[in-house]
Amino acid sequence: MPRFPCLPSSGRIVVALTILLTACGAPAAAPIPTPRPLTVAATTPIVGDVVRQIGGEHVRVTVLLPLGADPHAFEPSPQDIARVADADVVFAVGAGLEVFLEPLLRSAGGKALRVELTEGIPLRPFEAEVHSEGQSAVGTELHAHGAWDPHVWLDPNNVITWTHTIEAVLSRVDPARADRYRRNAEAYRAQLRELDAWIREQVSQIPPERRKLVTDHQVFGYFAHRYGFEQVGVILPGGSTVAQPSAREIAALEETLRALGVPAIFVSSTVDPALARRIAQDTGARLVQLYVDSLSPPGGEADSYIQMMRYNVRRIVEALR
């Protein structure tokens, strides 16, 4: 799908939505009669949470990926096909994250509009993976998602762009409630701006020379760029959790951790931590689990997007300062 780097953010969103709603195989949306709630399918728990913040009681959101599921390895069930077939709108991250979505939409048919939330966001290329000091092991062309990193939500400013897209889509499909969606979106954007300021304050506690990230796979590119971190190593090659490193790659990564004095390895809650635990034991690094692709169960430490980001930042600061 084409991108629009020369347009301002608001312009890119309008153009992107026009293409998404007319050229992605979705029919033109007729306004939904009120008071029926909109039926929305969201691909991930994080997308679902942001949609609920804007839609409130006027949307009925079903999330395709269960809590704790790995989006890189997810396989939809027949129940998921039915959920998508019944939906008015399907919200996805896009940029290649949900490899399951295209065949799911073909199987489901139905009237749902497909909206990819990365539209309107300048995507970052995957960085070359560094497994030993100064040596780039993997180029962008080998990444499972292609050349572009889809993990945009780890910068709250990109989620602000999501809110504009979600607000515009819900208002177009359900114009009778457009003012309510606008008010909800404005209130949530204020919370996201507060979150960004809070993260900057927290990160300032880490000396710049200690802002080095080693993770299970490449997920922190947008976070690192926004808040002044460097990604110095990953365990799983290729930008996905489905690939496995060779013994040589593991040895080179361990050499990097020792050479740079990296004190922690960060692992997503959706990834088996066994290999990361072994590397941590070999190098003396601390193993720290974060929520990256999913949320915690309701009532847990990361049961919303904002709570997830606060939890992750606290753990990162605690491990690196």
Protein backbone atom coordinates (compact mmCIF):
# COMPACT_ATOMS: atom_id res chain seq x y z
CA MET A 1 0.00 0.00 0.00
CA PRO A 2 1.48 3.41 -0.89
CA ARG A 3 2.67 5.85 1.77
CA PHE A 4 2.48 9.64 1.75
CA PRO A 5 5.70 11.08 3.28
CA CYS A 6 5.25 14.54 1.78
CA LEU A 7 1.88 15.23 3.37
CA PRO A 8 1.41 16.55 6.92
CA SER A 9 0.20 13.93 9.39
CA SER A 10 -3.45 14.93 9.16
CA GLY A 11 -3.30 14.90 5.37
CA ARG A 12 -1.72 11.46 5.30
CA ILE A 13 -4.47 10.13 7.52
CA VAL A 14 -7.25 11.49 5.29
CA VAL A 15 -5.62 10.13 2.13
CA ALA A 16 -4.85 6.81 3.77
CA LEU A 17 -8.41 6.42 4.99
CA THR A 18 -9.78 7.23 1.56
CA ILE A 19 -7.67 4.46 0.05
CA LEU A 20 -8.41 2.01 2.86
CA LEU A 21 -12.15 2.50 2.61
CA THR A 22 -12.36 2.38 -1.16
CA ALA A 23 -9.48 0.32 -2.52
CA CYS A 24 -8.78 -2.49 -0.03
CA GLY A 25 -11.60 -4.71 -1.15
CA ALA A 26 -14.05 -3.18 1.33
CA PRO A 27 -17.41 -1.85 0.19
CA ALA A 28 -18.43 1.73 0.83
CA ALA A 29 -19.81 1.94 4.36
CA ALA A 30 -23.40 2.92 4.88
CA PRO A 31 -24.03 4.80 8.12
CA ILE A 32 -24.97 2.44 10.95
CA PRO A 33 -28.43 3.13 12.35
CA THR A 34 -28.41 4.10 16.03
CA PRO A 35 -28.71 3.09 18.81
CA ARG A 36 -27.08 -0.21 17.86
CA PRO A 37 -23.43 -0.35 19.01
CA LEU A 38 -20.85 -0.77 16.28
CA THR A 39 -19.37 -4.24 16.04
CA VAL A 40 -15.59 -3.93 15.81
CA ALA A 41 -12.90 -6.58 15.46
CA ALA A 42 -9.40 -5.64 16.64
CA THR A 43 -6.41 -7.80 15.85
CA THR A 44 -4.47 -7.37 19.11
CA PRO A 45 -5.40 -6.57 22.73
CA ILE A 46 -3.51 -3.27 22.43
CA VAL A 47 -5.50 -2.20 19.36
CA GLY A 48 -8.69 -3.30 21.10
CA ASP A 49 -7.93 -1.19 24.16
CA VAL A 50 -7.30 1.96 22.13
CA VAL A 51 -10.50 1.44 20.13
CA ARG A 52 -12.48 1.05 23.36
CA GLN A 53 -11.02 4.29 24.71
CA ILE A 54 -12.50 6.16 21.76
CA GLY A 55 -15.64 4.15 21.08
CA GLY A 56 -16.65 3.75 24.70
CA GLU A 57 -20.05 2.15 25.24
CA HIS A 58 -20.95 2.70 21.60
CA VAL A 59 -18.66 -0.01 20.24
CA ARG A 60 -18.66 -3.72 20.93
CA VAL A 61 -15.03 -4.82 20.48
CA THR A 62 -13.89 -8.37 19.94
CA VAL A 63 -10.14 -9.02 19.97
CA LEU A 64 -8.81 -11.77 17.71
CA LEU A 65 -5.56 -12.53 19.54
CA PRO A 66 -6.05 -13.91 23.06
CA LEU A 67 -4.10 -12.28 25.88
CA GLY A 68 -0.54 -13.55 25.82
CA ALA A 69 -0.72 -14.81 22.23
CA ASP A 70 2.19 -14.15 19.89
CA PRO A 71 0.96 -12.21 16.81
CA HIS A 72 3.81 -13.63 14.75
CA ALA A 73 2.60 -17.21 15.22
CA PHE A 74 -1.17 -16.79 15.66
CA GLU A 75 -3.53 -19.03 13.68
CA PRO A 76 -7.19 -17.93 13.59
CA SER A 77 -9.98 -20.31 14.61
CA PRO A 78 -13.38 -20.78 12.94
CA GLN A 79 -14.79 -18.55 15.70
CA ASP A 80 -12.44 -15.78 14.57
CA ILE A 81 -13.76 -16.10 11.01
CA ALA A 82 -17.29 -15.64 12.33
CA ARG A 83 -16.26 -12.59 14.40
CA VAL A 84 -14.72 -10.91 11.38
CA ALA A 85 -17.69 -11.80 9.17
CA ASP A 86 -20.04 -10.05 11.62
CA ALA A 87 -17.90 -6.95 12.15
CA ASP A 88 -18.61 -3.47 10.82
CA VAL A 89 -14.92 -2.52 11.04
CA VAL A 90 -11.68 -4.49 11.45
CA PHE A 91 -8.82 -2.50 12.99
CA ALA A 92 -5.29 -3.86 12.51
CA VAL A 93 -1.80 -2.56 13.19
CA GLY A 94 -0.71 -3.31 9.62
CA ALA A 95 2.79 -2.99 8.14
CA GLY A 96 3.03 -6.78 8.00
CA LEU A 97 2.49 -7.53 11.69
CA GLU A 98 -0.65 -9.63 11.25
CA VAL A 99 0.36 -12.12 8.59
CA PHE A 100 -2.80 -14.09 9.42
CA LEU A 101 -5.19 -11.28 8.54
CA GLU A 102 -5.36 -11.45 4.74
CA PRO A 103 -6.40 -15.13 4.55
CA LEU A 104 -8.77 -14.57 7.49
CA LEU A 105 -10.54 -11.74 5.67
CA ARG A 106 -10.83 -13.84 2.52
CA SER A 107 -12.40 -16.68 4.51
CA ALA A 108 -14.74 -14.37 6.39
CA GLY A 109 -16.07 -12.33 3.50
CA GLY A 110 -18.63 -9.98 5.03
CA LYS A 111 -19.03 -6.23 4.97
CA ALA A 112 -16.29 -5.13 7.37
CA LEU A 113 -14.03 -2.22 6.56
CA ARG A 114 -10.36 -3.03 7.02
CA VAL A 115 -8.33 -0.23 8.61
CA GLU A 116 -4.54 -0.43 9.10
CA LEU A 117 -3.46 1.93 11.86
CA THR A 118 0.12 2.34 10.64
CA GLU A 119 -1.20 4.45 7.77
CA GLY A 120 -0.23 8.06 8.41
CA ILE A 121 2.82 7.05 10.50
CA PRO A 122 6.34 7.37 9.04
CA LEU A 123 7.58 3.79 9.35
CA ARG A 124 11.14 3.05 10.43
CA PRO A 125 13.21 0.39 8.71
CA PHE A 126 14.47 -2.49 10.79
CA GLU A 127 17.99 -1.87 11.92
CA ALA A 128 20.73 -4.30 10.97
CA GLU A 129 20.96 -6.79 13.82
CA VAL A 130 24.15 -6.57 15.82
CA HIS A 131 25.31 -9.80 17.43
CA SER A 132 28.90 -8.85 18.11
CA GLU A 133 30.47 -5.48 18.54
CA GLY A 134 30.60 -3.63 15.23
CA GLN A 135 29.29 -6.51 13.09
CA SER A 136 25.88 -6.33 11.40
CA ALA A 137 24.54 -9.84 11.11
CA VAL A 138 21.20 -9.45 9.34
CA GLY A 139 20.00 -6.86 6.82
CA THR A 140 16.48 -5.48 6.51
CA GLU A 141 15.61 -7.63 3.52
CA LEU A 142 15.56 -10.77 5.68
CA HIS A 143 13.02 -9.61 8.24
CA ALA A 144 9.77 -11.52 8.55
CA HIS A 145 7.73 -8.30 8.27
CA GLY A 146 9.66 -6.97 5.29
CA ALA A 147 11.78 -3.84 5.46
CA TRP A 148 9.48 -1.87 7.79
CA ASP A 149 9.14 -2.25 11.55
CA PRO A 150 5.44 -2.56 12.52
CA HIS A 151 5.90 -2.13 16.31
CA VAL A 152 4.85 1.52 16.18
CA TRP A 153 2.81 1.50 19.40
CA LEU A 154 5.91 1.55 21.61
CA ASP A 155 6.04 5.30 20.94
CA PRO A 156 2.85 6.89 22.39
CA ASN A 157 3.04 9.63 19.77
CA ASN A 158 2.25 7.02 17.13
CA VAL A 159 -0.77 5.90 19.15
CA ILE A 160 -1.95 9.52 19.03
CA THR A 161 -2.01 9.08 15.25
CA TRP A 162 -4.01 5.88 15.77
CA THR A 163 -6.61 7.86 17.69
CA HIS A 164 -7.15 10.26 14.79
CA THR A 165 -7.65 7.34 12.42
CA ILE A 166 -10.01 5.48 14.77
CA GLU A 167 -12.02 8.62 15.46
CA ALA A 168 -12.38 9.35 11.74
CA VAL A 169 -13.46 5.80 10.87
CA LEU A 170 -15.97 5.45 13.70
CA SER A 171 -17.42 8.88 12.90
CA ARG A 172 -17.76 8.00 9.22
CA VAL A 173 -19.51 4.71 9.89
CA ASP A 174 -21.60 6.08 12.78
CA PRO A 175 -22.02 9.85 12.15
CA ALA A 176 -24.78 10.21 14.75
CA ARG A 177 -22.19 9.66 17.48
CA ALA A 178 -19.31 11.55 15.87
CA ASP A 179 -19.25 14.19 18.59
CA ARG A 180 -18.93 11.55 21.30
CA TYR A 181 -16.07 9.85 19.47
CA ARG A 182 -14.37 13.23 19.10
CA ARG A 183 -14.64 14.01 22.81
CA ASN A 184 -13.36 10.58 23.81
CA ALA A 185 -10.46 10.82 21.38
CA GLU A 186 -9.46 14.29 22.60
CA ALA A 187 -9.48 13.13 26.23
CA TYR A 188 -7.41 10.05 25.41
CA ARG A 189 -4.91 12.07 23.38
CA ALA A 190 -4.34 14.25 26.45
CA GLN A 191 -3.55 11.11 28.45
CA LEU A 192 -1.10 9.95 25.78
CA ARG A 193 0.69 13.29 25.77
CA GLU A 194 0.99 13.03 29.56
CA LEU A 195 2.37 9.51 29.15
CA ASP A 196 5.03 10.72 26.72
CA ALA A 197 6.14 13.45 29.13
CA TRP A 198 6.23 10.94 32.01
CA ILE A 199 8.38 8.51 30.01
CA ARG A 200 10.86 11.27 29.20
CA GLU A 201 11.12 12.15 32.88
CA GLN A 202 11.62 8.52 33.91
CA VAL A 203 14.21 7.80 31.21
CA SER A 204 16.24 10.81 32.32
CA GLN A 205 17.23 8.73 35.37
CA ILE A 206 19.28 6.41 33.11
CA PRO A 207 22.72 7.74 32.11
CA PRO A 208 22.87 7.99 28.29
CA GLU A 209 25.76 5.50 28.11
CA ARG A 210 23.60 2.86 29.85
CA ARG A 211 20.60 3.20 27.52
CA LYS A 212 21.39 -0.03 25.66
CA LEU A 213 18.67 -2.56 24.88
CA VAL A 214 19.02 -6.29 24.27
CA THR A 215 15.65 -7.88 23.51
CA ASP A 216 14.18 -11.17 22.32
CA HIS A 217 13.46 -9.74 18.84
CA GLN A 218 13.43 -6.28 17.29
CA VAL A 219 10.49 -4.49 18.86
CA PHE A 220 11.90 -1.35 20.47
CA GLY A 221 12.97 0.63 17.40
CA TYR A 222 10.35 3.38 17.82
CA PHE A 223 10.80 3.52 21.59
CA ALA A 224 14.60 3.69 21.23
CA HIS A 225 14.42 6.44 18.61
CA ARG A 226 12.00 8.55 20.68
CA TYR A 227 13.70 8.22 24.05
CA GLY A 228 17.40 7.99 23.24
CA PHE A 229 18.16 4.28 23.52
CA GLU A 230 20.35 2.05 21.37
CA GLN A 231 19.35 -1.47 20.34
CA VAL A 232 22.62 -3.39 20.63
CA GLY A 233 21.43 -6.98 20.23
CA VAL A 234 18.52 -9.36 19.70
CA ILE A 235 18.15 -13.05 20.47
CA LEU A 236 15.78 -14.10 17.68
CA PRO A 237 16.82 -13.03 14.16
CA GLY A 238 14.60 -11.64 11.45
CA GLY A 239 12.27 -9.27 13.31
CA SER A 240 9.95 -12.11 14.37
CA THR A 241 9.62 -14.66 17.15
CA VAL A 242 9.38 -17.65 14.81
CA ALA A 243 13.05 -17.74 13.75
CA GLN A 244 15.76 -19.41 15.82
CA PRO A 245 19.37 -18.24 16.18
CA SER A 246 22.35 -20.43 15.42
CA ALA A 247 24.89 -21.40 18.09
CA ARG A 248 27.31 -18.95 16.48
CA GLU A 249 24.79 -16.09 16.73
CA ILE A 250 24.14 -16.87 20.39
CA ALA A 251 27.86 -16.88 21.14
CA ALA A 252 28.31 -13.56 19.34
CA LEU A 253 25.40 -12.02 21.25
CA GLU A 254 26.87 -13.16 24.56
CA GLU A 255 30.18 -11.59 23.53
CA THR A 256 28.35 -8.32 22.88
CA LEU A 257 26.69 -8.35 26.30
CA ARG A 258 30.01 -8.92 28.03
CA ALA A 259 31.91 -6.37 25.93
CA LEU A 260 29.34 -3.61 26.45
CA GLY A 261 28.53 -4.49 30.04
CA VAL A 262 24.80 -4.77 29.29
CA PRO A 263 23.06 -5.46 32.61
CA ALA A 264 19.68 -6.75 31.40
CA ILE A 265 17.91 -8.72 28.69
CA PHE A 266 14.29 -7.73 28.02
CA VAL A 267 11.83 -10.43 26.96
CA SER A 268 8.23 -10.05 25.84
CA SER A 269 5.50 -11.83 27.79
CA THR A 270 4.44 -13.60 24.57
CA VAL A 271 7.87 -15.22 24.00
CA ASP A 272 9.25 -18.39 25.58
CA PRO A 273 12.01 -17.06 27.87
CA ALA A 274 14.07 -20.28 27.98
CA LEU A 275 16.79 -19.19 25.55
CA ALA A 276 16.98 -15.68 27.02
CA ARG A 277 17.30 -17.20 30.50
CA ARG A 278 20.24 -19.31 29.35
CA ILE A 279 22.00 -16.29 27.82
CA ALA A 280 21.36 -14.30 30.98
CA GLN A 281 22.90 -17.05 33.10
CA ASP A 282 25.93 -17.27 30.80
CA THR A 283 26.58 -13.52 30.90
CA GLY A 284 25.39 -12.51 34.36
CA ALA A 285 22.71 -10.25 32.88
CA ARG A 286 19.33 -9.87 34.53
CA LEU A 287 16.27 -11.26 32.73
CA VAL A 288 13.39 -8.76 32.69
CA GLN A 289 9.96 -9.57 31.30
CA LEU A 290 7.95 -6.81 29.60
CA TYR A 291 4.56 -6.54 27.92
CA VAL A 292 5.12 -5.70 24.26
CA ASP A 293 2.65 -7.42 21.92
CA SER A 294 -0.08 -8.10 24.48
CA LEU A 295 -1.59 -6.90 27.75
CA SER A 296 -1.98 -8.54 31.14
CA PRO A 297 -5.33 -10.02 32.25
CA PRO A 298 -7.88 -7.50 33.58
CA GLY A 299 -6.80 -6.14 36.96
CA GLY A 300 -3.16 -6.97 36.24
CA GLU A 301 -0.15 -4.67 36.07
CA ALA A 302 -0.53 -3.95 32.35
CA ASP A 303 -4.23 -4.33 31.53
CA SER A 304 -4.40 -1.26 29.28
CA TYR A 305 -2.04 0.33 26.78
CA ILE A 306 -1.12 3.19 29.11
CA GLN A 307 -0.60 0.83 32.07
CA MET A 308 1.51 -1.41 29.83
CA MET A 309 3.81 1.45 28.86
CA ARG A 310 4.15 2.63 32.46
CA TYR A 311 4.95 -0.89 33.62
CA ASN A 312 7.57 -1.41 30.89
CA VAL A 313 9.28 1.93 31.51
CA ARG A 314 9.48 1.30 35.25
CA ARG A 315 11.11 -2.08 34.63
CA ILE A 316 13.56 -0.69 32.06
CA VAL A 317 14.60 2.19 34.29
CA GLU A 318 14.99 -0.11 37.30
CA ALA A 319 17.18 -2.51 35.29
CA LEU A 320 19.44 0.05 33.55
CA ARG A 321 19.94 3.06 35.83
